[in-house]
Amino acid sequence: MTVRRSRFMAYVLLGVVLTSCATAPPQPGTYGSPAAAAESERTSVMGSILSALALPIFIPFKVAVCAATVVFVAPAAAVVAVSDSYGTGWQRDLLNEGFSQNCGPPWLP
């Protein structure tokens, strides 16, 4: 039981350490009010903690979605190339947009 607890505490500590590496961009409109700046800082810390905890789940999911996209987009691009009788290429643009959205950045939650 103590091994599980110590392992859990190690993961929590790792998550806290990883969140200290992230910095949030300044929020517009928070410079005039100290209360708004404090609230923004608290929100960014909580967002960083959530991102660090979600990262081990997000990366494998993103890889799986990207792999599925490659499996379906490659044949679809070939079909579109053959069947685009008007030569407009709007289908290919949609495929490119979906591919870049599923396989491109952001790689962090």
PDB file of N, CA and C in Angstrom:
ATOM      1  N   MET A   1       0.818  -1.189   0.000  1.00  0.00           N
ATOM      2  CA  MET A   1       0.000   0.000   0.000  1.00  0.00           C
ATOM      3  C   MET A   1       0.864   1.257   0.000  1.00  0.00           C
ATOM      4  N   THR A   2       1.987   1.224   0.709  1.00  0.00           N
ATOM      5  CA  THR A   2       2.848   2.401   0.748  1.00  0.00           C
ATOM      6  C   THR A   2       3.578   2.614  -0.574  1.00  0.00           C
ATOM      7  N   VAL A   3       3.806   1.529  -1.324  1.00  0.00           N
ATOM      8  CA  VAL A   3       4.446   1.671  -2.628  1.00  0.00           C
ATOM      9  C   VAL A   3       3.516   2.411  -3.576  1.00  0.00           C
ATOM     10  N   ARG A   4       2.231   2.085  -3.546  1.00  0.00           N
ATOM     11  CA  ARG A   4       1.263   2.779  -4.399  1.00  0.00           C
ATOM     12  C   ARG A   4       1.164   4.246  -4.024  1.00  0.00           C
ATOM     13  N   ARG A   5       1.139   4.512  -2.736  1.00  0.00           N
ATOM     14  CA  ARG A   5       1.013   5.885  -2.277  1.00  0.00           C
ATOM     15  C   ARG A   5       2.256   6.686  -2.664  1.00  0.00           C
ATOM     16  N   SER A   6       3.423   6.106  -2.500  1.00  0.00           N
ATOM     17  CA  SER A   6       4.637   6.833  -2.862  1.00  0.00           C
ATOM     18  C   SER A   6       4.732   7.028  -4.375  1.00  0.00           C
ATOM     19  N   ARG A   7       4.285   6.045  -5.139  1.00  0.00           N
ATOM     20  CA  ARG A   7       4.275   6.192  -6.597  1.00  0.00           C
ATOM     21  C   ARG A   7       3.299   7.290  -7.016  1.00  0.00           C
ATOM     22  N   PHE A   8       2.127   7.320  -6.372  1.00  0.00           N
ATOM     23  CA  PHE A   8       1.144   8.357  -6.667  1.00  0.00           C
ATOM     24  C   PHE A   8       1.704   9.736  -6.332  1.00  0.00           C
ATOM     25  N   MET A   9       2.355   9.859  -5.201  1.00  0.00           N
ATOM     26  CA  MET A   9       2.928  11.142  -4.806  1.00  0.00           C
ATOM     27  C   MET A   9       4.048  11.559  -5.768  1.00  0.00           C
ATOM     28  N   ALA A  10       4.787  10.579  -6.271  1.00  0.00           N
ATOM     29  CA  ALA A  10       5.836  10.891  -7.244  1.00  0.00           C
ATOM     30  C   ALA A  10       5.223  11.436  -8.530  1.00  0.00           C
ATOM     31  N   TYR A  11       4.108  10.858  -8.980  1.00  0.00           N
ATOM     32  CA  TYR A  11       3.439  11.360 -10.177  1.00  0.00           C
ATOM     33  C   TYR A  11       2.874  12.761  -9.953  1.00  0.00           C
ATOM     34  N   VAL A  12       2.308  13.003  -8.792  1.00  0.00           N
ATOM     35  CA  VAL A  12       1.783  14.332  -8.488  1.00  0.00           C
ATOM     36  C   VAL A  12       2.917  15.349  -8.476  1.00  0.00           C
ATOM     37  N   LEU A  13       4.018  14.986  -7.833  1.00  0.00           N
ATOM     38  CA  LEU A  13       5.174  15.884  -7.788  1.00  0.00           C
ATOM     39  C   LEU A  13       5.718  16.144  -9.194  1.00  0.00           C
ATOM     40  N   LEU A  14       5.766  15.126 -10.033  1.00  0.00           N
ATOM     41  CA  LEU A  14       6.209  15.294 -11.414  1.00  0.00           C
ATOM     42  C   LEU A  14       5.283  16.246 -12.166  1.00  0.00           C
ATOM     43  N   GLY A  15       3.975  16.106 -11.957  1.00  0.00           N
ATOM     44  CA  GLY A  15       3.024  17.013 -12.601  1.00  0.00           C
ATOM     45  C   GLY A  15       3.206  18.449 -12.167  1.00  0.00           C
ATOM     46  N   VAL A  16       3.457  18.660 -10.880  1.00  0.00           N
ATOM     47  CA  VAL A  16       3.671  20.016 -10.383  1.00  0.00           C
ATOM     48  C   VAL A  16       4.969  20.589 -10.945  1.00  0.00           C
ATOM     49  N   VAL A  17       5.999  19.777 -11.007  1.00  0.00           N
ATOM     50  CA  VAL A  17       7.275  20.244 -11.554  1.00  0.00           C
ATOM     51  C   VAL A  17       7.128  20.575 -13.034  1.00  0.00           C
ATOM     52  N   LEU A  18       6.398  19.755 -13.777  1.00  0.00           N
ATOM     53  CA  LEU A  18       6.208  20.033 -15.202  1.00  0.00           C
ATOM     54  C   LEU A  18       5.414  21.304 -15.439  1.00  0.00           C
ATOM     55  N   THR A  19       4.461  21.604 -14.560  1.00  0.00           N
ATOM     56  CA  THR A  19       3.687  22.829 -14.754  1.00  0.00           C
ATOM     57  C   THR A  19       4.512  24.070 -14.481  1.00  0.00           C
ATOM     58  N   SER A  20       5.570  23.941 -13.711  1.00  0.00           N
ATOM     59  CA  SER A  20       6.394  25.121 -13.461  1.00  0.00           C
ATOM     60  C   SER A  20       7.163  25.532 -14.708  1.00  0.00           C
ATOM     61  N   CYS A  21       7.277  24.646 -15.684  1.00  0.00           N
ATOM     62  CA  CYS A  21       7.975  24.975 -16.931  1.00  0.00           C
ATOM     63  C   CYS A  21       7.109  25.797 -17.875  1.00  0.00           C
ATOM     64  N   ALA A  22       5.803  25.742 -17.723  1.00  0.00           N
ATOM     65  CA  ALA A  22       4.897  26.423 -18.642  1.00  0.00           C
ATOM     66  C   ALA A  22       4.587  27.826 -18.143  1.00  0.00           C
ATOM     67  N   THR A  23       4.524  28.762 -19.050  1.00  0.00           N
ATOM     68  CA  THR A  23       4.101  30.117 -18.723  1.00  0.00           C
ATOM     69  C   THR A  23       2.960  30.485 -19.641  1.00  0.00           C
ATOM     70  N   ALA A  24       1.994  31.172 -19.093  1.00  0.00           N
ATOM     71  CA  ALA A  24       0.837  31.582 -19.873  1.00  0.00           C
ATOM     72  C   ALA A  24       1.087  32.955 -20.473  1.00  0.00           C
ATOM     73  N   PRO A  25       0.562  33.213 -21.664  1.00  0.00           N
ATOM     74  CA  PRO A  25       0.696  34.549 -22.241  1.00  0.00           C
ATOM     75  C   PRO A  25      -0.134  35.544 -21.437  1.00  0.00           C
ATOM     76  N   PRO A  26       0.246  36.807 -21.437  1.00  0.00           N
ATOM     77  CA  PRO A  26      -0.527  37.796 -20.686  1.00  0.00           C
ATOM     78  C   PRO A  26      -1.916  37.950 -21.286  1.00  0.00           C
ATOM     79  N   GLN A  27      -2.889  38.041 -20.411  1.00  0.00           N
ATOM     80  CA  GLN A  27      -4.270  38.187 -20.837  1.00  0.00           C
ATOM     81  C   GLN A  27      -4.569  39.666 -21.084  1.00  0.00           C
ATOM     82  N   PRO A  28      -5.282  39.985 -22.153  1.00  0.00           N
ATOM     83  CA  PRO A  28      -5.591  41.392 -22.418  1.00  0.00           C
ATOM     84  C   PRO A  28      -6.579  41.933 -21.375  1.00  0.00           C
ATOM     85  N   GLY A  29      -6.365  43.153 -20.968  1.00  0.00           N
ATOM     86  CA  GLY A  29      -7.286  43.803 -20.046  1.00  0.00           C
ATOM     87  C   GLY A  29      -7.039  43.497 -18.588  1.00  0.00           C
ATOM     88  N   THR A  30      -5.988  42.783 -18.234  1.00  0.00           N
ATOM     89  CA  THR A  30      -5.763  42.440 -16.833  1.00  0.00           C
ATOM     90  C   THR A  30      -4.711  43.329 -16.184  1.00  0.00           C
ATOM     91  N   TYR A  31      -4.188  44.308 -16.912  1.00  0.00           N
ATOM     92  CA  TYR A  31      -3.111  45.112 -16.365  1.00  0.00           C
ATOM     93  C   TYR A  31      -3.609  46.171 -15.387  1.00  0.00           C
ATOM     94  N   GLY A  32      -4.842  46.638 -15.544  1.00  0.00           N
ATOM     95  CA  GLY A  32      -5.327  47.714 -14.689  1.00  0.00           C
ATOM     96  C   GLY A  32      -5.804  47.253 -13.323  1.00  0.00           C
ATOM     97  N   SER A  33      -6.303  46.052 -13.201  1.00  0.00           N
ATOM     98  CA  SER A  33      -6.924  45.595 -11.965  1.00  0.00           C
ATOM     99  C   SER A  33      -6.076  44.521 -11.293  1.00  0.00           C
ATOM    100  N   PRO A  34      -5.650  44.736 -10.048  1.00  0.00           N
ATOM    101  CA  PRO A  34      -4.879  43.687  -9.356  1.00  0.00           C
ATOM    102  C   PRO A  34      -5.702  42.431  -9.096  1.00  0.00           C
ATOM    103  N   ALA A  35      -6.999  42.590  -8.835  1.00  0.00           N
ATOM    104  CA  ALA A  35      -7.846  41.420  -8.592  1.00  0.00           C
ATOM    105  C   ALA A  35      -7.980  40.589  -9.864  1.00  0.00           C
ATOM    106  N   ALA A  36      -8.132  41.252 -11.001  1.00  0.00           N
ATOM    107  CA  ALA A  36      -8.240  40.523 -12.265  1.00  0.00           C
ATOM    108  C   ALA A  36      -6.925  39.840 -12.606  1.00  0.00           C
ATOM    109  N   ALA A  37      -5.803  40.485 -12.284  1.00  0.00           N
ATOM    110  CA  ALA A  37      -4.502  39.870 -12.549  1.00  0.00           C
ATOM    111  C   ALA A  37      -4.293  38.647 -11.669  1.00  0.00           C
ATOM    112  N   ALA A  38      -4.708  38.717 -10.405  1.00  0.00           N
ATOM    113  CA  ALA A  38      -4.575  37.566  -9.500  1.00  0.00           C
ATOM    114  C   ALA A  38      -5.462  36.420  -9.967  1.00  0.00           C
ATOM    115  N   GLU A  39      -6.660  36.726 -10.405  1.00  0.00           N
ATOM    116  CA  GLU A  39      -7.566  35.687 -10.905  1.00  0.00           C
ATOM    117  C   GLU A  39      -7.003  35.055 -12.168  1.00  0.00           C
ATOM    118  N   SER A  40      -6.431  35.865 -13.050  1.00  0.00           N
ATOM    119  CA  SER A  40      -5.832  35.341 -14.271  1.00  0.00           C
ATOM    120  C   SER A  40      -4.646  34.438 -13.953  1.00  0.00           C
ATOM    121  N   GLU A  41      -3.827  34.822 -12.976  1.00  0.00           N
ATOM    122  CA  GLU A  41      -2.673  34.013 -12.584  1.00  0.00           C
ATOM    123  C   GLU A  41      -3.127  32.676 -12.004  1.00  0.00           C
ATOM    124  N   ARG A  42      -4.162  32.681 -11.189  1.00  0.00           N
ATOM    125  CA  ARG A  42      -4.678  31.439 -10.602  1.00  0.00           C
ATOM    126  C   ARG A  42      -5.249  30.540 -11.685  1.00  0.00           C
ATOM    127  N   THR A  43      -5.944  31.125 -12.645  1.00  0.00           N
ATOM    128  CA  THR A  43      -6.512  30.352 -13.744  1.00  0.00           C
ATOM    129  C   THR A  43      -5.415  29.744 -14.604  1.00  0.00           C
ATOM    130  N   SER A  44      -4.346  30.496 -14.855  1.00  0.00           N
ATOM    131  CA  SER A  44      -3.278  29.954 -15.689  1.00  0.00           C
ATOM    132  C   SER A  44      -2.538  28.825 -14.976  1.00  0.00           C
ATOM    133  N   VAL A  45      -2.388  28.908 -13.657  1.00  0.00           N
ATOM    134  CA  VAL A  45      -1.748  27.827 -12.903  1.00  0.00           C
ATOM    135  C   VAL A  45      -2.612  26.575 -12.956  1.00  0.00           C
ATOM    136  N   MET A  46      -3.912  26.731 -12.778  1.00  0.00           N
ATOM    137  CA  MET A  46      -4.810  25.574 -12.829  1.00  0.00           C
ATOM    138  C   MET A  46      -4.841  24.982 -14.239  1.00  0.00           C
ATOM    139  N   GLY A  47      -4.791  25.827 -15.243  1.00  0.00           N
ATOM    140  CA  GLY A  47      -4.731  25.333 -16.622  1.00  0.00           C
ATOM    141  C   GLY A  47      -3.448  24.575 -16.891  1.00  0.00           C
ATOM    142  N   SER A  48      -2.353  25.042 -16.329  1.00  0.00           N
ATOM    143  CA  SER A  48      -1.069  24.352 -16.496  1.00  0.00           C
ATOM    144  C   SER A  48      -1.075  22.994 -15.811  1.00  0.00           C
ATOM    145  N   ILE A  49      -1.668  22.935 -14.625  1.00  0.00           N
ATOM    146  CA  ILE A  49      -1.762  21.656 -13.912  1.00  0.00           C
ATOM    147  C   ILE A  49      -2.627  20.687 -14.704  1.00  0.00           C
ATOM    148  N   LEU A  50      -3.746  21.166 -15.210  1.00  0.00           N
ATOM    149  CA  LEU A  50      -4.617  20.309 -16.009  1.00  0.00           C
ATOM    150  C   LEU A  50      -3.912  19.824 -17.266  1.00  0.00           C
ATOM    151  N   SER A  51      -3.154  20.689 -17.913  1.00  0.00           N
ATOM    152  CA  SER A  51      -2.412  20.289 -19.112  1.00  0.00           C
ATOM    153  C   SER A  51      -1.376  19.222 -18.792  1.00  0.00           C
ATOM    154  N   ALA A  52      -0.691  19.374 -17.683  1.00  0.00           N
ATOM    155  CA  ALA A  52       0.323  18.384 -17.308  1.00  0.00           C
ATOM    156  C   ALA A  52      -0.297  17.039 -16.980  1.00  0.00           C
ATOM    157  N   LEU A  53      -1.470  17.050 -16.368  1.00  0.00           N
ATOM    158  CA  LEU A  53      -2.131  15.791 -16.041  1.00  0.00           C
ATOM    159  C   LEU A  53      -2.747  15.133 -17.276  1.00  0.00           C
ATOM    160  N   ALA A  54      -3.159  15.937 -18.244  1.00  0.00           N
ATOM    161  CA  ALA A  54      -3.789  15.397 -19.441  1.00  0.00           C
ATOM    162  C   ALA A  54      -2.782  14.951 -20.495  1.00  0.00           C
ATOM    163  N   LEU A  55      -1.537  15.377 -20.377  1.00  0.00           N
ATOM    164  CA  LEU A  55      -0.525  15.080 -21.399  1.00  0.00           C
ATOM    165  C   LEU A  55      -0.322  13.593 -21.644  1.00  0.00           C
ATOM    166  N   PRO A  56      -0.222  12.726 -20.611  1.00  0.00           N
ATOM    167  CA  PRO A  56      -0.019  11.297 -20.895  1.00  0.00           C
ATOM    168  C   PRO A  56      -1.191  10.649 -21.632  1.00  0.00           C
ATOM    169  N   ILE A  57      -2.358  11.238 -21.541  1.00  0.00           N
ATOM    170  CA  ILE A  57      -3.527  10.715 -22.256  1.00  0.00           C
ATOM    171  C   ILE A  57      -3.615  11.340 -23.644  1.00  0.00           C
ATOM    172  N   PHE A  58      -3.251  12.605 -23.744  1.00  0.00           N
ATOM    173  CA  PHE A  58      -3.421  13.355 -24.982  1.00  0.00           C
ATOM    174  C   PHE A  58      -2.489  12.885 -26.092  1.00  0.00           C
ATOM    175  N   ILE A  59      -1.227  12.644 -25.771  1.00  0.00           N
ATOM    176  CA  ILE A  59      -0.245  12.280 -26.800  1.00  0.00           C
ATOM    177  C   ILE A  59      -0.601  10.961 -27.483  1.00  0.00           C
ATOM    178  N   PRO A  60      -0.883   9.862 -26.753  1.00  0.00           N
ATOM    179  CA  PRO A  60      -1.269   8.628 -27.465  1.00  0.00           C
ATOM    180  C   PRO A  60      -2.561   8.788 -28.268  1.00  0.00           C
ATOM    181  N   PHE A  61      -3.506   9.572 -27.747  1.00  0.00           N
ATOM    182  CA  PHE A  61      -4.742   9.802 -28.473  1.00  0.00           C
ATOM    183  C   PHE A  61      -4.476  10.571 -29.753  1.00  0.00           C
ATOM    184  N   LYS A  62      -3.617  11.592 -29.681  1.00  0.00           N
ATOM    185  CA  LYS A  62      -3.281  12.384 -30.863  1.00  0.00           C
ATOM    186  C   LYS A  62      -2.574  11.523 -31.906  1.00  0.00           C
ATOM    187  N   VAL A  63      -1.680  10.634 -31.465  1.00  0.00           N
ATOM    188  CA  VAL A  63      -0.977   9.738 -32.386  1.00  0.00           C
ATOM    189  C   VAL A  63      -1.961   8.785 -33.058  1.00  0.00           C
ATOM    190  N   ALA A  64      -2.900   8.240 -32.290  1.00  0.00           N
ATOM    191  CA  ALA A  64      -3.889   7.317 -32.862  1.00  0.00           C
ATOM    192  C   ALA A  64      -4.786   8.027 -33.875  1.00  0.00           C
ATOM    193  N   VAL A  65      -5.219   9.241 -33.551  1.00  0.00           N
ATOM    194  CA  VAL A  65      -6.066  10.002 -34.483  1.00  0.00           C
ATOM    195  C   VAL A  65      -5.289  10.353 -35.749  1.00  0.00           C
ATOM    196  N   CYS A  66      -4.023  10.714 -35.601  1.00  0.00           N
ATOM    197  CA  CYS A  66      -3.193  11.032 -36.762  1.00  0.00           C
ATOM    198  C   CYS A  66      -3.002   9.797 -37.643  1.00  0.00           C
ATOM    199  N   ALA A  67      -2.746   8.641 -37.022  1.00  0.00           N
ATOM    200  CA  ALA A  67      -2.561   7.412 -37.798  1.00  0.00           C
ATOM    201  C   ALA A  67      -3.843   7.049 -38.549  1.00  0.00           C
ATOM    202  N   ALA A  68      -4.983   7.195 -37.887  1.00  0.00           N
ATOM    203  CA  ALA A  68      -6.262   6.910 -38.557  1.00  0.00           C
ATOM    204  C   ALA A  68      -6.500   7.893 -39.699  1.00  0.00           C
ATOM    205  N   THR A  69      -6.105   9.131 -39.508  1.00  0.00           N
ATOM    206  CA  THR A  69      -6.260  10.128 -40.562  1.00  0.00           C
ATOM    207  C   THR A  69      -5.408   9.771 -41.769  1.00  0.00           C
ATOM    208  N   VAL A  70      -4.183   9.353 -41.536  1.00  0.00           N
ATOM    209  CA  VAL A  70      -3.300   8.968 -42.646  1.00  0.00           C
ATOM    210  C   VAL A  70      -3.884   7.782 -43.399  1.00  0.00           C
ATOM    211  N   VAL A  71      -4.445   6.817 -42.651  1.00  0.00           N
ATOM    212  CA  VAL A  71      -5.021   5.625 -43.296  1.00  0.00           C
ATOM    213  C   VAL A  71      -6.186   6.000 -44.196  1.00  0.00           C
ATOM    214  N   PHE A  72      -6.994   6.993 -43.786  1.00  0.00           N
ATOM    215  CA  PHE A  72      -8.162   7.344 -44.584  1.00  0.00           C
ATOM    216  C   PHE A  72      -7.897   8.449 -45.604  1.00  0.00           C
ATOM    217  N   VAL A  73      -6.986   9.357 -45.309  1.00  0.00           N
ATOM    218  CA  VAL A  73      -6.755  10.489 -46.208  1.00  0.00           C
ATOM    219  C   VAL A  73      -5.977  10.080 -47.451  1.00  0.00           C
ATOM    220  N   ALA A  74      -5.039   9.183 -47.321  1.00  0.00           N
ATOM    221  CA  ALA A  74      -4.236   8.787 -48.485  1.00  0.00           C
ATOM    222  C   ALA A  74      -5.106   8.204 -49.605  1.00  0.00           C
ATOM    223  N   PRO A  75      -5.970   7.217 -49.340  1.00  0.00           N
ATOM    224  CA  PRO A  75      -6.828   6.737 -50.429  1.00  0.00           C
ATOM    225  C   PRO A  75      -7.852   7.776 -50.881  1.00  0.00           C
ATOM    226  N   ALA A  76      -8.343   8.584 -49.943  1.00  0.00           N
ATOM    227  CA  ALA A  76      -9.316   9.613 -50.321  1.00  0.00           C
ATOM    228  C   ALA A  76      -8.678  10.644 -51.239  1.00  0.00           C
ATOM    229  N   ALA A  77      -7.429  10.991 -50.997  1.00  0.00           N
ATOM    230  CA  ALA A  77      -6.736  11.943 -51.878  1.00  0.00           C
ATOM    231  C   ALA A  77      -6.560  11.365 -53.275  1.00  0.00           C
ATOM    232  N   ALA A  78      -6.296  10.071 -53.352  1.00  0.00           N
ATOM    233  CA  ALA A  78      -6.166   9.433 -54.664  1.00  0.00           C
ATOM    234  C   ALA A  78      -7.504   9.435 -55.401  1.00  0.00           C
ATOM    235  N   VAL A  79      -8.574   9.141 -54.696  1.00  0.00           N
ATOM    236  CA  VAL A  79      -9.908   9.148 -55.323  1.00  0.00           C
ATOM    237  C   VAL A  79     -10.273  10.552 -55.770  1.00  0.00           C
ATOM    238  N   VAL A  80      -9.988  11.538 -54.948  1.00  0.00           N
ATOM    239  CA  VAL A  80     -10.291  12.927 -55.293  1.00  0.00           C
ATOM    240  C   VAL A  80      -9.486  13.362 -56.511  1.00  0.00           C
ATOM    241  N   ALA A  81      -8.225  12.964 -56.572  1.00  0.00           N
ATOM    242  CA  ALA A  81      -7.383  13.349 -57.712  1.00  0.00           C
ATOM    243  C   ALA A  81      -7.919  12.780 -59.014  1.00  0.00           C
ATOM    244  N   VAL A  82      -8.467  11.581 -58.950  1.00  0.00           N
ATOM    245  CA  VAL A  82      -8.988  10.945 -60.159  1.00  0.00           C
ATOM    246  C   VAL A  82     -10.369  11.470 -60.514  1.00  0.00           C
ATOM    247  N   SER A  83     -11.190  11.771 -59.511  1.00  0.00           N
ATOM    248  CA  SER A  83     -12.584  12.095 -59.780  1.00  0.00           C
ATOM    249  C   SER A  83     -12.893  13.584 -59.837  1.00  0.00           C
ATOM    250  N   ASP A  84     -11.917  14.457 -59.692  1.00  0.00           N
ATOM    251  CA  ASP A  84     -12.167  15.900 -59.736  1.00  0.00           C
ATOM    252  C   ASP A  84     -12.252  16.343 -61.193  1.00  0.00           C
ATOM    253  N   SER A  85     -13.461  16.269 -61.741  1.00  0.00           N
ATOM    254  CA  SER A  85     -13.638  16.565 -63.162  1.00  0.00           C
ATOM    255  C   SER A  85     -13.571  18.061 -63.472  1.00  0.00           C
ATOM    256  N   TYR A  86     -13.907  18.901 -62.514  1.00  0.00           N
ATOM    257  CA  TYR A  86     -13.884  20.336 -62.760  1.00  0.00           C
ATOM    258  C   TYR A  86     -12.519  20.959 -62.496  1.00  0.00           C
ATOM    259  N   GLY A  87     -11.661  20.252 -61.777  1.00  0.00           N
ATOM    260  CA  GLY A  87     -10.316  20.754 -61.507  1.00  0.00           C
ATOM    261  C   GLY A  87     -10.248  21.849 -60.464  1.00  0.00           C
ATOM    262  N   THR A  88     -11.284  21.969 -59.632  1.00  0.00           N
ATOM    263  CA  THR A  88     -11.285  23.032 -58.617  1.00  0.00           C
ATOM    264  C   THR A  88     -10.412  22.672 -57.417  1.00  0.00           C
ATOM    265  N   GLY A  89     -10.366  21.420 -57.035  1.00  0.00           N
ATOM    266  CA  GLY A  89      -9.511  20.984 -55.944  1.00  0.00           C
ATOM    267  C   GLY A  89     -10.020  21.303 -54.560  1.00  0.00           C
ATOM    268  N   TRP A  90     -11.300  21.652 -54.414  1.00  0.00           N
ATOM    269  CA  TRP A  90     -11.813  21.993 -53.089  1.00  0.00           C
ATOM    270  C   TRP A  90     -11.835  20.777 -52.168  1.00  0.00           C
ATOM    271  N   GLN A  91     -12.023  19.581 -52.744  1.00  0.00           N
ATOM    272  CA  GLN A  91     -12.000  18.382 -51.907  1.00  0.00           C
ATOM    273  C   GLN A  91     -10.604  18.155 -51.332  1.00  0.00           C
ATOM    274  N   ARG A  92      -9.601  18.369 -52.167  1.00  0.00           N
ATOM    275  CA  ARG A  92      -8.219  18.206 -51.693  1.00  0.00           C
ATOM    276  C   ARG A  92      -7.875  19.236 -50.619  1.00  0.00           C
ATOM    277  N   ASP A  93      -8.395  20.452 -50.773  1.00  0.00           N
ATOM    278  CA  ASP A  93      -8.181  21.469 -49.743  1.00  0.00           C
ATOM    279  C   ASP A  93      -8.797  21.036 -48.415  1.00  0.00           C
ATOM    280  N   LEU A  94      -9.981  20.440 -48.471  1.00  0.00           N
ATOM    281  CA  LEU A  94     -10.613  19.941 -47.244  1.00  0.00           C
ATOM    282  C   LEU A  94      -9.813  18.800 -46.625  1.00  0.00           C
ATOM    283  N   LEU A  95      -9.285  17.911 -47.459  1.00  0.00           N
ATOM    284  CA  LEU A  95      -8.458  16.824 -46.944  1.00  0.00           C
ATOM    285  C   LEU A  95      -7.174  17.365 -46.314  1.00  0.00           C
ATOM    286  N   ASN A  96      -6.557  18.342 -46.956  1.00  0.00           N
ATOM    287  CA  ASN A  96      -5.346  18.947 -46.393  1.00  0.00           C
ATOM    288  C   ASN A  96      -5.631  19.634 -45.061  1.00  0.00           C
ATOM    289  N   GLU A  97      -6.756  20.323 -44.995  1.00  0.00           N
ATOM    290  CA  GLU A  97      -7.112  21.007 -43.752  1.00  0.00           C
ATOM    291  C   GLU A  97      -7.356  20.005 -42.621  1.00  0.00           C
ATOM    292  N   GLY A  98      -8.073  18.924 -42.910  1.00  0.00           N
ATOM    293  CA  GLY A  98      -8.308  17.900 -41.894  1.00  0.00           C
ATOM    294  C   GLY A  98      -7.034  17.206 -41.463  1.00  0.00           C
ATOM    295  N   PHE A  99      -6.151  16.935 -42.421  1.00  0.00           N
ATOM    296  CA  PHE A  99      -4.874  16.297 -42.091  1.00  0.00           C
ATOM    297  C   PHE A  99      -4.022  17.194 -41.203  1.00  0.00           C
ATOM    298  N   SER A 100      -3.923  18.473 -41.565  1.00  0.00           N
ATOM    299  CA  SER A 100      -3.107  19.379 -40.747  1.00  0.00           C
ATOM    300  C   SER A 100      -3.726  19.609 -39.379  1.00  0.00           C
ATOM    301  N   GLN A 101      -5.031  19.554 -39.281  1.00  0.00           N
ATOM    302  CA  GLN A 101      -5.681  19.724 -37.983  1.00  0.00           C
ATOM    303  C   GLN A 101      -5.476  18.496 -37.096  1.00  0.00           C
ATOM    304  N   ASN A 102      -5.539  17.298 -37.669  1.00  0.00           N
ATOM    305  CA  ASN A 102      -5.403  16.079 -36.878  1.00  0.00           C
ATOM    306  C   ASN A 102      -3.955  15.698 -36.599  1.00  0.00           C
ATOM    307  N   CYS A 103      -3.044  16.015 -37.499  1.00  0.00           N
ATOM    308  CA  CYS A 103      -1.651  15.586 -37.333  1.00  0.00           C
ATOM    309  C   CYS A 103      -0.693  16.725 -37.023  1.00  0.00           C
ATOM    310  N   GLY A 104      -1.139  17.943 -37.131  1.00  0.00           N
ATOM    311  CA  GLY A 104      -0.267  19.070 -36.874  1.00  0.00           C
ATOM    312  C   GLY A 104      -0.341  19.547 -35.433  1.00  0.00           C
ATOM    313  N   PRO A 105       0.293  20.688 -35.177  1.00  0.00           N
ATOM    314  CA  PRO A 105       0.261  21.223 -33.828  1.00  0.00           C
ATOM    315  C   PRO A 105      -1.154  21.667 -33.464  1.00  0.00           C
ATOM    316  N   PRO A 106      -1.478  21.769 -32.253  1.00  0.00           N
ATOM    317  CA  PRO A 106      -0.646  21.704 -31.050  1.00  0.00           C
ATOM    318  C   PRO A 106      -0.482  20.271 -30.573  1.00  0.00           C
ATOM    319  N   TRP A 107       0.699  19.954 -30.096  1.00  0.00           N
ATOM    320  CA  TRP A 107       0.964  18.634 -29.536  1.00  0.00           C
ATOM    321  C   TRP A 107       0.836  18.640 -28.024  1.00  0.00           C
ATOM    322  N   LEU A 108       0.448  19.736 -27.446  1.00  0.00           N
ATOM    323  CA  LEU A 108       0.208  19.815 -26.000  1.00  0.00           C
ATOM    324  C   LEU A 108      -1.238  20.204 -25.773  1.00  0.00           C
ATOM    325  N   PRO A 109      -1.871  19.615 -24.745  1.00  0.00           N
ATOM    326  CA  PRO A 109      -3.286  19.963 -24.471  1.00  0.00           C
ATOM    327  C   PRO A 109      -3.453  21.366 -24.002  1.00  0.00           C
TER     328      PRO A 109
END
